[in-house]
């Protein structure tokens, strides 16, 4: 029986475009991919994903802006929490339009061989035991290394006094995280609380005007934060794309949108436009790039949707209400205009049963995640150690592997917290925003790897799916990935590290398709058909383990530095071969099997739910 779905790619997974990197990714610490919206740094164990979790991008994190990707047919479908769609590369997408020249997305059924195949309970118990022991062992090595290096001269700038009453210092290498929860904490709470109260009042008094009230409040917040000239600058970009939308030419709208984005990423225009911001404060650059970058993407989405639906006659007021919705303005996530406009146009929105409870749970998870990160940074200096290569090279192999892994997990946690807070406010406003990124621990097929579902949806809808079609042919897929990563490179800010990251991830995404095609060939398909379903799952999990470490290595390039990535690769693959290499591969294999088991459970639950909903 021939294969019906791609096997876990033998090739390194990549994290596709994700959140804009307001800053140049060149700064390993200040501008990592939000990767992994681009692609961070959480503690080894992943906290439960908010509502749906992965990404991630909090996006502009000083360490986490980065890629968020698209998706190939995935090995296992992920249940949908919001709009009934499953997150994955070839998931059904609503059409953008049906008129000539409109951008459309295609849909295909996600099939996964062996998704319902169960393994013996004893085997899964062994995997759990091995993984738990390995994480504990690596964590112990990292804890000892953090204690030993706390007083190193190289650590003085980023390891500062913390809980002095128990003699613990704190890793403060991520300046943006520190800013969020120190000097800017009260400002953020004040702004979002004001929005919530203002929104509640408007909903009670004049619900039909709530979208206008949101826009006015958002514009006033931007005016007070960044100054009147910055607000006028963004209005200029909005008006230019609105005028382009009136011509009804999608290629012109997309081209002008990319030109506007380039003006915020390349000198001399970026230097000239940054002069429109009045005053100086710590997060000014982050807010400038975040607000301007997301504004361009939102305006481009508006223009393309206007071209796709000329009969709907969207106005400039619709664009301004869409762009200046405060919770999404600076940090995203981005909702495509059609979704935002439909949801915001409901005059009397009604909450689904249990929605308020889920909103409270989301808010609670975000608070718990912040507290967990604060505690973690008092014991594990995972952001500072990679900056001292001499010290990092002295770590045991297990601790070094744990350090690389925890850097990506932190970036996911950072993304989850940012999206969790923003999404909580958006849900109070009766919106259904993109879900937080999927936990990095659950990513073993790089086609699913993205840290910002909003950017992922935008790229898929307007670029990737439009060019790649069904993503089943080699040449169209190559063109789609090259085009998408070219835009992603522009979004992150062109520099050597971004070029390298984009090349590796573009190759990885295509390599996965090549492996799929090879696996569907006669000889290999016959070999797999001769295996039992359980053995087939084990073989696929082995390739998934390789993919997992490809994801780690690819994104370490942008999250830390090329030098640290080379150190990790050399220690784990060369000097540690074969003992370290095989041991880490086996531990990762155990983790992939546990993730597969979770996917199997979710798939069965989803099937049972659908069966119950079928009419008798």
Protein backbone atom coordinates (compact mmCIF):
# COMPACT_ATOMS: atom_id res chain seq x y z
CA UNK A 1 0.00 0.00 0.00
CA UNK A 2 1.64 3.23 -1.09
CA UNK A 3 2.22 6.04 1.28
CA UNK A 4 -0.54 8.61 1.39
CA UNK A 5 1.22 11.25 3.41
CA UNK A 6 4.69 12.62 3.79
CA UNK A 7 6.95 10.85 6.14
CA UNK A 8 8.74 12.95 8.66
CA UNK A 9 11.34 14.67 6.63
CA UNK A 10 14.87 13.48 6.73
CA UNK A 11 15.81 17.05 6.22
CA UNK A 12 16.18 19.81 8.65
CA UNK A 13 12.95 21.49 9.46
CA UNK A 14 12.61 25.11 9.17
CA UNK A 15 10.61 27.65 10.85
CA UNK A 16 8.94 29.75 8.33
CA UNK A 17 8.21 33.34 8.55
CA UNK A 18 6.75 34.56 11.57
CA UNK A 19 6.77 37.78 13.23
CA UNK A 20 8.44 40.82 12.02
CA UNK A 21 11.63 41.56 13.53
CA UNK A 22 11.48 45.14 14.12
CA UNK A 23 15.11 45.06 14.77
CA UNK A 24 17.77 43.48 12.65
CA UNK A 25 18.09 39.83 13.39
CA UNK A 26 21.75 40.48 13.21
CA UNK A 27 21.65 41.18 16.90
CA UNK A 28 21.63 37.69 18.24
CA UNK A 29 20.11 38.70 21.54
CA UNK A 30 18.07 41.76 20.73
CA UNK A 31 16.53 40.40 17.62
CA UNK A 32 16.16 36.71 17.56
CA UNK A 33 13.62 35.15 15.43
CA UNK A 34 10.51 34.98 16.85
CA UNK A 35 10.83 31.82 16.33
CA UNK A 36 10.33 31.11 15.63
CA UNK A 37 8.63 34.60 14.83
CA UNK A 38 10.24 34.25 13.16
CA UNK A 39 11.46 32.08 15.61
CA UNK A 40 13.65 32.14 22.09
CA UNK A 41 14.18 30.74 25.22
CA UNK A 42 11.92 28.90 27.71
CA UNK A 43 12.60 26.46 30.45
CA UNK A 44 12.95 22.84 29.53
CA UNK A 45 9.45 21.83 30.48
CA UNK A 46 6.84 23.61 28.39
CA UNK A 47 3.99 25.09 30.35
CA UNK A 48 0.56 24.12 29.09
CA UNK A 49 -0.12 26.01 25.90
CA UNK A 50 -2.68 28.71 26.22
CA UNK A 51 -5.85 27.59 24.67
CA UNK A 52 -4.22 26.04 21.77
CA UNK A 53 -0.63 26.23 21.45
CA UNK A 54 3.68 27.17 19.53
CA UNK A 55 6.06 30.90 18.27
CA UNK A 56 6.03 32.80 18.92
CA UNK A 57 6.30 35.28 17.88
CA UNK A 58 5.87 37.48 20.21
CA UNK A 59 7.30 39.07 17.77
CA UNK A 60 9.50 41.61 18.33
CA UNK A 61 11.13 40.29 21.12
CA UNK A 62 14.55 41.34 21.52
CA UNK A 63 15.30 37.75 21.18
CA UNK A 64 12.35 36.40 19.54
CA UNK A 65 11.30 37.93 16.35
CA UNK A 66 11.34 35.61 13.67
CA UNK A 67 10.04 33.20 11.36
CA UNK A 68 6.87 31.44 11.51
CA UNK A 69 6.22 29.10 8.77
CA UNK A 70 3.79 27.64 6.53
CA UNK A 71 2.86 24.12 6.34
CA UNK A 72 3.20 20.98 4.34
CA UNK A 73 0.76 18.19 4.78
CA UNK A 74 1.40 17.30 8.32
CA UNK A 75 1.91 13.94 9.82
CA UNK A 76 -0.82 14.57 12.28
CA UNK A 77 -3.59 17.10 12.08
CA UNK A 78 -3.85 19.55 14.90
CA UNK A 79 -7.29 20.24 16.29
CA UNK A 80 -8.68 23.66 15.65
CA UNK A 81 -9.63 25.87 18.52
CA UNK A 82 -10.99 28.87 16.76
CA UNK A 83 -12.38 28.79 13.28
CA UNK A 84 -12.76 25.12 12.68
CA UNK A 85 -9.67 24.88 10.54
CA UNK A 86 -6.72 22.77 11.41
CA UNK A 87 -3.35 24.38 11.62
CA UNK A 88 -1.07 22.78 9.13
CA UNK A 89 0.44 23.28 5.78
CA UNK A 90 -2.31 21.99 3.63
CA UNK A 91 -5.34 22.76 5.64
CA UNK A 92 -8.52 24.00 4.06
CA UNK A 93 -8.45 27.75 3.62
CA UNK A 94 -11.34 29.99 2.74
CA UNK A 95 -11.12 31.59 -0.65
CA UNK A 96 -9.88 35.12 -0.81
CA UNK A 97 -11.98 35.80 -3.84
CA UNK A 98 -13.46 34.34 -6.95
CA UNK A 99 -13.01 37.14 -9.40
CA UNK A 100 -10.27 37.05 -12.03
CA UNK A 101 -6.92 37.96 -10.61
CA UNK A 102 -7.90 37.27 -7.03
CA UNK A 103 -5.64 35.37 -4.72
CA UNK A 104 -7.05 32.01 -3.81
CA UNK A 105 -5.98 29.20 -1.58
CA UNK A 106 -6.58 25.60 -2.23
CA UNK A 107 -7.58 22.90 0.15
CA UNK A 108 -6.74 19.28 0.48
CA UNK A 109 -7.49 16.56 2.91
CA UNK A 110 -4.90 15.89 5.55
CA UNK A 111 -4.20 12.22 5.76
CA UNK A 112 -1.69 10.72 8.06
CA UNK A 113 -0.69 7.12 7.90
CA UNK A 114 -0.68 5.52 11.28
CA UNK A 115 -2.15 8.49 13.12
CA UNK A 116 -4.44 6.15 15.04
CA UNK A 117 -1.83 3.48 15.58
CA UNK A 118 -1.30 2.81 19.28
CA UNK A 119 1.85 1.50 20.93
CA UNK A 120 1.95 -0.79 23.99
CA UNK A 121 1.46 1.05 27.28
CA UNK A 122 4.71 -0.40 28.63
CA UNK A 123 6.65 1.00 25.69
CA UNK A 124 5.17 4.45 26.16
CA UNK A 125 5.92 4.24 29.88
CA UNK A 126 9.57 3.50 29.04
CA UNK A 127 9.69 6.50 26.73
CA UNK A 128 8.29 8.72 29.50
CA UNK A 129 10.83 7.43 31.98
CA UNK A 130 13.77 7.95 29.61
CA UNK A 131 12.67 11.45 28.64
CA UNK A 132 12.03 12.54 32.23
CA UNK A 133 15.39 11.22 33.37
CA UNK A 134 17.23 12.88 30.48
CA UNK A 135 15.59 16.26 31.12
CA UNK A 136 16.38 16.04 34.82
CA UNK A 137 20.00 15.11 34.10
CA UNK A 138 20.47 17.93 31.58
CA UNK A 139 18.72 20.37 33.94
CA UNK A 140 21.07 19.42 36.76
CA UNK A 141 24.07 20.13 34.51
CA UNK A 142 22.66 23.52 33.54
CA UNK A 143 21.93 24.39 37.17
CA UNK A 144 25.49 23.56 38.23
CA UNK A 145 26.90 25.52 35.30
CA UNK A 146 24.77 28.54 36.19
CA UNK A 147 25.97 28.41 39.80
CA UNK A 148 29.60 28.09 38.74
CA UNK A 149 29.40 30.97 36.28
CA UNK A 150 27.32 33.39 38.36
CA UNK A 151 30.40 35.40 39.37
CA UNK A 152 32.29 35.25 36.07
CA UNK A 153 33.44 38.58 34.75
CA UNK A 154 31.80 37.86 31.39
CA UNK A 155 28.43 37.44 33.13
CA UNK A 156 28.41 40.75 35.01
CA UNK A 157 26.39 42.69 32.44
CA UNK A 158 23.57 40.17 32.09
CA UNK A 159 23.48 38.40 35.47
CA UNK A 160 22.30 40.90 38.06
CA UNK A 161 21.27 40.70 41.74
CA UNK A 162 17.94 38.95 42.16
CA UNK A 163 16.72 37.11 45.23
CA UNK A 164 19.52 38.28 47.48
CA UNK A 165 17.97 36.79 50.58
CA UNK A 166 18.77 33.31 49.23
CA UNK A 167 21.85 34.37 47.29
CA UNK A 168 20.37 33.98 43.80
CA UNK A 169 21.19 36.24 40.89
CA UNK A 170 18.94 36.65 37.84
CA UNK A 171 19.60 36.33 34.12
CA UNK A 172 18.50 39.65 32.56
CA UNK A 173 20.07 39.18 29.13
CA UNK A 174 16.71 39.64 27.40
CA UNK A 175 16.27 43.38 27.81
CA UNK A 176 12.83 43.37 26.23
CA UNK A 177 11.38 40.86 28.69
CA UNK A 178 12.86 42.90 31.53
CA UNK A 179 11.38 46.12 30.13
CA UNK A 180 7.93 44.56 29.80
CA UNK A 181 7.80 43.63 33.46
CA UNK A 182 9.67 46.53 35.05
CA UNK A 183 9.64 50.07 33.66
CA UNK A 184 6.92 49.47 31.06
CA UNK A 185 4.73 47.14 33.09
CA UNK A 186 2.48 49.88 34.43
CA UNK A 187 2.21 51.56 31.02
CA UNK A 188 1.14 48.30 29.37
CA UNK A 189 -1.37 47.52 32.11
CA UNK A 190 -2.76 51.06 31.97
CA UNK A 191 -3.13 51.05 28.17
CA UNK A 192 -4.76 47.61 27.92
CA UNK A 193 -6.95 48.15 30.99
CA UNK A 194 -8.10 51.44 29.54
CA UNK A 195 -8.95 49.70 26.29
CA UNK A 196 -10.95 47.00 28.10
CA UNK A 197 -12.92 49.52 30.17
CA UNK A 198 -13.48 51.80 27.19
CA UNK A 199 -14.60 48.84 25.08
CA UNK A 200 -17.01 47.63 27.75
CA UNK A 201 -18.56 51.07 28.06
CA UNK A 202 -18.98 51.41 24.30
CA UNK A 203 -20.47 47.95 23.99
CA UNK A 204 -23.08 48.84 26.61
CA UNK A 205 -23.90 52.33 25.30
CA UNK A 206 -23.44 52.15 21.52
CA UNK A 207 -22.44 48.66 20.31
CA UNK A 208 -22.91 49.68 16.68
CA UNK A 209 -20.06 52.21 17.09
CA UNK A 210 -17.63 49.95 18.94
CA UNK A 211 -15.24 49.55 15.98
CA UNK A 212 -14.98 53.34 15.70
CA UNK A 213 -14.32 53.68 19.42
CA UNK A 214 -11.58 51.04 19.31
CA UNK A 215 -9.90 52.89 16.42
CA UNK A 216 -10.07 56.27 18.15
CA UNK A 217 -8.66 54.87 21.38
CA UNK A 218 -5.88 53.07 19.48
CA UNK A 219 -4.95 56.15 17.45
CA UNK A 220 -4.81 58.26 20.63
CA UNK A 221 -2.59 55.65 22.32
CA UNK A 222 -0.19 55.66 19.34
CA UNK A 223 -0.24 59.47 19.34
CA UNK A 224 0.62 59.63 23.02
CA UNK A 225 3.32 56.97 22.79
CA UNK A 226 5.11 57.75 19.53
CA UNK A 227 4.08 61.33 18.74
CA UNK A 228 1.96 63.03 16.06
CA UNK A 229 4.51 62.79 13.24
CA UNK A 230 4.76 59.02 13.56
CA UNK A 231 0.97 58.80 13.41
CA UNK A 232 0.94 60.94 10.26
CA UNK A 233 3.66 58.77 8.73
CA UNK A 234 1.57 55.64 9.19
CA UNK A 235 -1.53 57.41 7.87
CA UNK A 236 0.47 58.22 4.75
CA UNK A 237 1.25 54.54 4.17
CA UNK A 238 -2.39 53.61 4.85
CA UNK A 239 -3.70 56.12 2.34
CA UNK A 240 -1.22 55.09 -0.36
CA UNK A 241 -2.30 51.44 -0.13
CA UNK A 242 -5.95 52.45 0.02
CA UNK A 243 -5.55 54.38 -3.23
CA UNK A 244 -3.81 51.38 -4.80
CA UNK A 245 -6.74 49.16 -3.76
CA UNK A 246 -9.12 51.38 -5.75
CA UNK A 247 -7.34 50.35 -8.95
CA UNK A 248 -8.28 46.71 -8.35
CA UNK A 249 -4.88 45.23 -9.30
CA UNK A 250 -3.60 42.66 -6.75
CA UNK A 251 -0.06 42.69 -8.15
CA UNK A 252 0.12 46.47 -7.72
CA UNK A 253 -1.17 46.27 -4.13
CA UNK A 254 1.27 43.53 -3.17
CA UNK A 255 4.16 45.31 -4.87
CA UNK A 256 3.40 48.61 -3.16
CA UNK A 257 2.99 46.83 0.17
CA UNK A 258 6.42 45.23 -0.17
CA UNK A 259 7.92 48.57 -1.17
CA UNK A 260 6.40 50.17 1.93
CA UNK A 261 7.77 47.35 4.07
CA UNK A 262 11.21 47.78 2.51
CA UNK A 263 11.14 51.46 3.41
CA UNK A 264 11.04 50.45 7.09
CA UNK A 265 13.82 47.88 6.71
CA UNK A 266 16.45 49.43 4.46
CA UNK A 267 18.56 52.59 4.67
CA UNK A 268 18.38 55.44 3.95
CA UNK A 269 14.56 55.41 4.15
CA UNK A 270 14.43 53.69 7.54
CA UNK A 271 16.69 56.34 9.09
CA UNK A 272 14.61 59.12 7.59
CA UNK A 273 11.30 57.66 8.76
CA UNK A 274 12.56 56.86 12.25
CA UNK A 275 13.11 60.60 12.67
CA UNK A 276 9.33 61.04 12.77
CA UNK A 277 9.24 59.55 16.28
CA UNK A 278 9.39 62.17 19.01
CA UNK A 279 11.17 61.57 22.30
CA UNK A 280 13.47 58.75 23.33
CA UNK A 281 12.73 55.72 25.49
CA UNK A 282 13.97 52.15 25.88
CA UNK A 283 11.39 50.35 23.74
CA UNK A 284 11.16 53.06 21.09
CA UNK A 285 12.90 51.06 18.36
CA UNK A 286 10.86 47.95 19.11
CA UNK A 287 7.57 49.88 19.01
CA UNK A 288 8.61 51.74 15.87
CA UNK A 289 9.40 48.59 13.91
CA UNK A 290 6.49 46.63 15.31
CA UNK A 291 3.89 49.32 14.65
CA UNK A 292 5.15 50.18 11.18
CA UNK A 293 5.73 46.60 10.05
CA UNK A 294 2.32 45.34 11.15
CA UNK A 295 0.67 48.44 9.69
CA UNK A 296 2.08 47.65 6.25
CA UNK A 297 0.93 44.01 6.43
CA UNK A 298 -2.54 45.01 7.56
CA UNK A 299 -2.87 47.63 4.82
CA UNK A 300 -1.66 45.13 2.23
CA UNK A 301 -4.24 42.60 3.43
CA UNK A 302 -6.94 45.28 3.15
CA UNK A 303 -5.87 46.17 -0.40
CA UNK A 304 -5.78 42.55 -1.57
CA UNK A 305 -9.16 41.77 -0.06
CA UNK A 306 -10.58 44.89 -1.72
CA UNK A 307 -9.30 43.63 -5.06
CA UNK A 308 -10.76 40.20 -4.40
CA UNK A 309 -14.18 41.58 -3.44
CA UNK A 310 -14.80 44.72 -5.50
CA UNK A 311 -18.53 44.45 -4.84
CA UNK A 312 -18.08 45.08 -1.12
CA UNK A 313 -16.69 48.61 -1.51
CA UNK A 314 -14.50 48.82 1.56
CA UNK A 315 -13.78 52.40 2.66
CA UNK A 316 -10.78 54.19 4.09
CA UNK A 317 -12.61 54.22 7.43
CA UNK A 318 -12.70 50.40 7.35
CA UNK A 319 -8.94 50.37 6.87
CA UNK A 320 -8.29 52.77 9.74
CA UNK A 321 -10.57 50.85 12.11
CA UNK A 322 -8.69 47.68 11.15
CA UNK A 323 -5.21 49.12 11.52
CA UNK A 324 -5.58 51.09 14.75
CA UNK A 325 -7.09 48.35 16.91
CA UNK A 326 -4.68 48.82 19.82
CA UNK A 327 -4.19 45.24 21.15
CA UNK A 328 -2.86 44.14 17.72
CA UNK A 329 -1.14 47.36 16.71
CA UNK A 330 2.44 47.04 18.00
CA UNK A 331 2.97 43.33 18.56
CA UNK A 332 0.33 41.52 16.53
CA UNK A 333 -0.90 38.94 15.93
CA UNK A 334 -2.23 39.94 12.56
CA UNK A 335 -5.72 38.98 11.45
CA UNK A 336 -6.40 39.20 7.74
CA UNK A 337 -8.80 42.02 6.93
CA UNK A 338 -11.70 39.79 5.87
CA UNK A 339 -11.77 37.96 9.21
CA UNK A 340 -11.36 41.11 11.29
CA UNK A 341 -14.01 43.04 9.37
CA UNK A 342 -16.55 40.21 9.58
CA UNK A 343 -16.12 39.76 13.33
CA UNK A 344 -15.98 43.46 14.16
CA UNK A 345 -19.08 44.20 12.08
CA UNK A 346 -21.35 42.15 14.35
CA UNK A 347 -23.68 44.67 15.94
CA UNK A 348 -24.70 42.47 18.86
CA UNK A 349 -22.02 39.81 19.30
CA UNK A 350 -22.93 36.83 21.46
CA UNK A 351 -20.46 34.82 23.48
CA UNK A 352 -20.34 31.07 23.13
CA UNK A 353 -21.04 28.93 26.16
CA UNK A 354 -18.04 28.75 28.47
CA UNK A 355 -16.11 31.44 26.61
CA UNK A 356 -15.69 33.71 29.63
CA UNK A 357 -14.25 30.80 31.61
CA UNK A 358 -11.74 30.14 28.82
CA UNK A 359 -10.77 33.81 28.76
CA UNK A 360 -10.10 33.73 32.52
CA UNK A 361 -8.10 30.53 32.13
CA UNK A 362 -6.04 32.13 29.36
CA UNK A 363 -5.28 35.14 31.53
CA UNK A 364 -4.35 32.86 34.44
CA UNK A 365 -1.99 30.81 32.27
CA UNK A 366 -0.23 33.97 31.13
CA UNK A 367 0.33 35.08 34.72
CA UNK A 368 1.62 31.63 35.70
CA UNK A 369 3.99 31.60 32.71
CA UNK A 370 5.44 34.99 33.68
CA UNK A 371 6.02 33.80 37.25
CA UNK A 372 7.59 30.55 36.01
CA UNK A 373 10.02 32.41 33.76
CA UNK A 374 10.99 34.75 36.60
CA UNK A 375 11.73 31.81 38.89
CA UNK A 376 13.55 29.94 36.15
CA UNK A 377 15.90 32.86 35.41
CA UNK A 378 17.03 32.91 39.04
CA UNK A 379 18.42 29.39 38.69
CA UNK A 380 19.25 28.87 35.01
CA UNK A 381 21.22 31.46 33.04
CA UNK A 382 20.31 30.06 29.64
CA UNK A 383 20.46 33.43 27.86
CA UNK A 384 23.83 34.47 29.20
CA UNK A 385 25.83 31.24 28.94
CA UNK A 386 25.75 31.08 25.10
CA UNK A 387 27.44 34.49 24.93
CA UNK A 388 30.55 33.07 26.66
CA UNK A 389 31.72 30.38 24.23
CA UNK A 390 34.72 29.42 26.35
CA UNK A 391 32.45 28.68 29.32
CA UNK A 392 29.80 27.01 27.16
CA UNK A 393 32.42 24.69 25.67
CA UNK A 394 33.14 23.35 29.18
CA UNK A 395 29.56 22.16 29.65
CA UNK A 396 28.84 18.42 29.51
CA UNK A 397 27.26 17.27 26.25
CA UNK A 398 23.90 16.70 27.92
CA UNK A 399 23.86 20.19 29.44
CA UNK A 400 24.88 21.75 26.12
CA UNK A 401 22.02 19.98 24.35
CA UNK A 402 19.64 21.12 27.09
CA UNK A 403 20.91 24.68 26.73
CA UNK A 404 20.21 24.70 22.98
CA UNK A 405 16.74 23.23 23.52
CA UNK A 406 15.83 25.57 26.37
CA UNK A 407 16.73 28.62 24.28
CA UNK A 408 14.00 27.75 21.79
CA UNK A 409 11.54 26.85 24.53
CA UNK A 410 12.05 30.26 26.12
CA UNK A 411 11.28 31.98 22.85
CA UNK A 412 8.08 29.95 22.64
CA UNK A 413 7.11 30.91 26.19
CA UNK A 414 7.78 34.53 25.39
CA UNK A 415 5.56 34.29 22.33
CA UNK A 416 2.87 32.43 24.27
CA UNK A 417 2.82 35.10 26.99
CA UNK A 418 2.62 37.98 24.53
CA UNK A 419 -0.07 36.33 22.45
CA UNK A 420 -1.86 35.16 25.58
CA UNK A 421 -2.20 38.69 26.94
CA UNK A 422 -3.19 40.23 23.61
CA UNK A 423 -5.61 37.44 22.73
CA UNK A 424 -7.29 37.71 26.12
CA UNK A 425 -8.09 41.35 25.47
CA UNK A 426 -9.19 40.61 21.89
CA UNK A 427 -11.57 37.87 23.06
CA UNK A 428 -13.12 40.28 25.53
CA UNK A 429 -13.85 42.42 22.45
CA UNK A 430 -15.66 39.44 20.84
CA UNK A 431 -12.85 38.72 18.37
CA UNK A 432 -11.44 35.30 17.55
CA UNK A 433 -7.70 36.05 17.08
CA UNK A 434 -5.04 33.65 15.76
CA UNK A 435 -3.96 31.14 18.35
CA UNK A 436 -0.59 31.28 20.14
CA UNK A 437 2.23 29.31 18.56
CA UNK A 438 2.54 25.56 18.95
CA UNK A 439 4.96 24.46 21.64
CA UNK A 440 8.43 23.85 20.24
CA UNK A 441 8.55 20.55 22.12
CA UNK A 442 5.75 19.22 19.91
CA UNK A 443 7.40 20.20 16.62
CA UNK A 444 9.07 17.29 14.89
CA UNK A 445 7.81 18.01 11.37
CA UNK A 446 9.27 21.30 10.34
CA UNK A 447 6.41 21.99 7.96
CA UNK A 448 4.33 22.71 11.08
CA UNK A 449 6.92 24.99 12.58
CA UNK A 450 5.83 28.57 13.00
CA UNK A 451 5.77 30.82 16.00
CA UNK A 452 3.17 33.27 14.78
CA UNK A 453 -0.01 31.85 13.33
CA UNK A 454 -1.11 35.30 12.18
CA UNK A 455 1.94 35.88 9.99
CA UNK A 456 1.70 32.26 8.88
CA UNK A 457 -1.90 32.76 7.71
CA UNK A 458 -1.00 36.02 5.95
CA UNK A 459 1.90 34.48 4.03
CA UNK A 460 -0.04 31.35 3.13
CA UNK A 461 -3.07 33.24 1.90
CA UNK A 462 -1.37 35.89 -0.19
CA UNK A 463 1.92 34.29 -1.28
CA UNK A 464 2.68 30.68 -0.44
CA UNK A 465 -0.59 28.99 -1.40
CA UNK A 466 -1.18 31.37 -4.28
CA UNK A 467 2.07 30.31 -5.96
CA UNK A 468 2.46 26.75 -4.66
CA UNK A 469 -1.08 25.53 -5.34
CA UNK A 470 -1.52 22.08 -3.80
CA UNK A 471 2.15 21.97 -2.70
CA UNK A 472 2.53 18.58 -4.33
CA UNK A 473 4.78 19.50 -7.27
CA UNK A 474 8.49 20.18 -6.90
CA UNK A 475 8.89 23.23 -9.16
CA UNK A 476 5.83 25.23 -8.00
CA UNK A 477 6.75 24.44 -4.40
CA UNK A 478 10.29 25.70 -4.98
CA UNK A 479 8.93 28.93 -6.43
CA UNK A 480 6.46 29.35 -3.57
CA UNK A 481 9.08 28.84 -0.86
CA UNK A 482 11.63 31.13 -2.52
CA UNK A 483 9.05 33.90 -2.87
CA UNK A 484 7.81 33.44 0.69
CA UNK A 485 11.26 33.43 2.22
CA UNK A 486 12.24 36.45 0.18
CA UNK A 487 9.35 38.35 1.80
CA UNK A 488 10.26 36.87 5.18
CA UNK A 489 13.84 38.09 4.79
CA UNK A 490 12.54 41.57 4.09
CA UNK A 491 10.19 41.33 7.09
CA UNK A 492 13.00 40.35 9.46
CA UNK A 493 15.45 42.90 8.12
CA UNK A 494 18.05 41.82 5.54
CA UNK A 495 21.44 40.90 6.99
CA UNK A 496 23.86 37.97 6.76
CA UNK A 497 22.26 35.95 9.55
CA UNK A 498 18.78 36.36 8.06
CA UNK A 499 20.05 35.33 4.62
CA UNK A 500 21.57 32.18 6.12
CA UNK A 501 18.47 31.40 8.15
CA UNK A 502 16.19 31.88 5.14
CA UNK A 503 18.35 29.72 2.88
CA UNK A 504 18.48 26.86 5.36
CA UNK A 505 14.78 26.92 6.05
CA UNK A 506 13.85 27.27 2.38
CA UNK A 507 16.01 24.26 1.60
CA UNK A 508 14.53 22.31 4.49
CA UNK A 509 10.94 22.92 3.45
CA UNK A 510 11.68 21.78 -0.10
CA UNK A 511 13.75 18.84 1.08
CA UNK A 512 10.77 17.59 3.02
CA UNK A 513 8.72 17.50 -0.18
CA UNK A 514 11.54 15.71 -2.01
CA UNK A 515 11.66 13.09 0.73
CA UNK A 516 7.89 12.72 0.50
CA UNK A 517 8.13 12.13 -3.24
CA UNK A 518 10.92 9.61 -2.70
CA UNK A 519 8.90 7.80 -0.02
CA UNK A 520 5.96 7.55 -2.42
CA UNK A 521 8.11 5.81 -5.01
CA UNK A 522 7.50 2.13 -5.59
CA UNK A 523 10.40 0.48 -3.70
CA UNK A 524 10.14 2.53 -0.51
CA UNK A 525 6.35 2.40 -0.50
CA UNK A 526 6.50 -1.39 -0.75
CA UNK A 527 9.00 -1.57 2.09
CA UNK A 528 6.78 0.47 4.38
CA UNK A 529 3.71 -1.48 3.31
CA UNK A 530 5.47 -4.64 4.46
CA UNK A 531 5.94 -3.19 7.95
CA UNK A 532 3.34 -3.33 10.68
CA UNK A 533 1.60 -0.06 11.54
CA UNK A 534 3.43 0.11 14.86
CA UNK A 535 6.81 -0.39 13.22
CA UNK A 536 5.95 2.22 10.60
CA UNK A 537 5.18 4.67 13.40
CA UNK A 538 8.54 3.91 15.02
CA UNK A 539 10.42 4.50 11.77
CA UNK A 540 8.63 7.79 11.20
CA UNK A 541 9.35 8.84 14.78
CA UNK A 542 13.05 8.22 14.18
CA UNK A 543 13.02 10.62 11.25
CA UNK A 544 10.97 13.01 13.36
CA UNK A 545 13.73 13.00 15.98
CA UNK A 546 16.24 14.04 13.33
CA UNK A 547 13.89 16.77 12.19
CA UNK A 548 13.50 18.03 15.74
CA UNK A 549 17.20 18.70 16.08
CA UNK A 550 17.27 20.24 12.63
CA UNK A 551 14.66 22.71 13.90
CA UNK A 552 16.81 23.45 16.95
CA UNK A 553 20.00 23.96 14.97
CA UNK A 554 18.42 26.03 12.21
CA UNK A 555 16.90 28.49 14.63
CA UNK A 556 19.83 28.73 17.00
CA UNK A 557 21.53 30.58 14.16
CA UNK A 558 19.16 33.51 14.59
CA UNK A 559 18.34 33.16 18.28
CA UNK A 560 21.92 33.10 19.51
CA UNK A 561 24.84 33.27 17.14
CA UNK A 562 26.44 31.32 14.36
CA UNK A 563 29.42 30.60 16.63
CA UNK A 564 27.26 29.04 19.34
CA UNK A 565 25.40 26.97 16.75
CA UNK A 566 28.70 25.69 15.38
CA UNK A 567 29.81 24.78 18.90
CA UNK A 568 26.64 22.79 19.57
CA UNK A 569 26.81 21.02 16.20
CA UNK A 570 30.47 20.14 16.62
CA UNK A 571 30.05 18.79 20.14
CA UNK A 572 26.88 16.79 19.50
CA UNK A 573 27.61 15.49 16.01
CA UNK A 574 31.41 15.27 15.70
CA UNK A 575 33.38 15.09 18.94
CA UNK A 576 30.49 13.37 20.71
CA UNK A 577 29.90 10.76 18.02
CA UNK A 578 28.71 8.07 18.40
CA UNK A 579 27.83 7.94 22.11
CA UNK A 580 26.43 11.46 22.60
CA UNK A 581 24.84 11.59 19.16
CA UNK A 582 22.96 8.31 19.55
CA UNK A 583 21.99 9.01 23.17
CA UNK A 584 20.46 12.38 22.31
CA UNK A 585 18.77 10.93 19.24
CA UNK A 586 17.20 8.19 21.35
CA UNK A 587 15.97 10.64 23.99
CA UNK A 588 14.49 12.81 21.25
CA UNK A 589 12.90 9.74 19.66
CA UNK A 590 11.20 9.02 22.99
CA UNK A 591 9.87 12.57 23.08
CA UNK A 592 8.56 12.37 19.51
CA UNK A 593 6.71 9.15 20.31
CA UNK A 594 5.03 10.81 23.27
CA UNK A 595 4.02 13.75 21.08
CA UNK A 596 2.65 11.31 18.51
CA UNK A 597 0.64 9.61 21.22
CA UNK A 598 -0.83 12.95 22.22
CA UNK A 599 -1.71 13.64 18.57
CA UNK A 600 -3.33 10.22 18.33
CA UNK A 601 -5.48 10.94 21.36
CA UNK A 602 -6.53 14.34 20.00
CA UNK A 603 -7.36 12.84 16.60
CA UNK A 604 -9.57 10.20 18.19
CA UNK A 605 -11.32 12.77 20.35
CA UNK A 606 -11.91 14.97 17.32
CA UNK A 607 -13.32 12.03 15.38
CA UNK A 608 -15.67 11.13 18.21
CA UNK A 609 -16.81 14.74 18.42
CA UNK A 610 -17.54 14.82 14.70
CA UNK A 611 -19.44 11.54 14.90
CA UNK A 612 -21.67 12.96 17.63
CA UNK A 613 -22.38 16.06 15.55
CA UNK A 614 -23.45 14.06 12.49
CA UNK A 615 -27.20 14.04 11.95
CA UNK A 616 -28.87 10.75 12.70
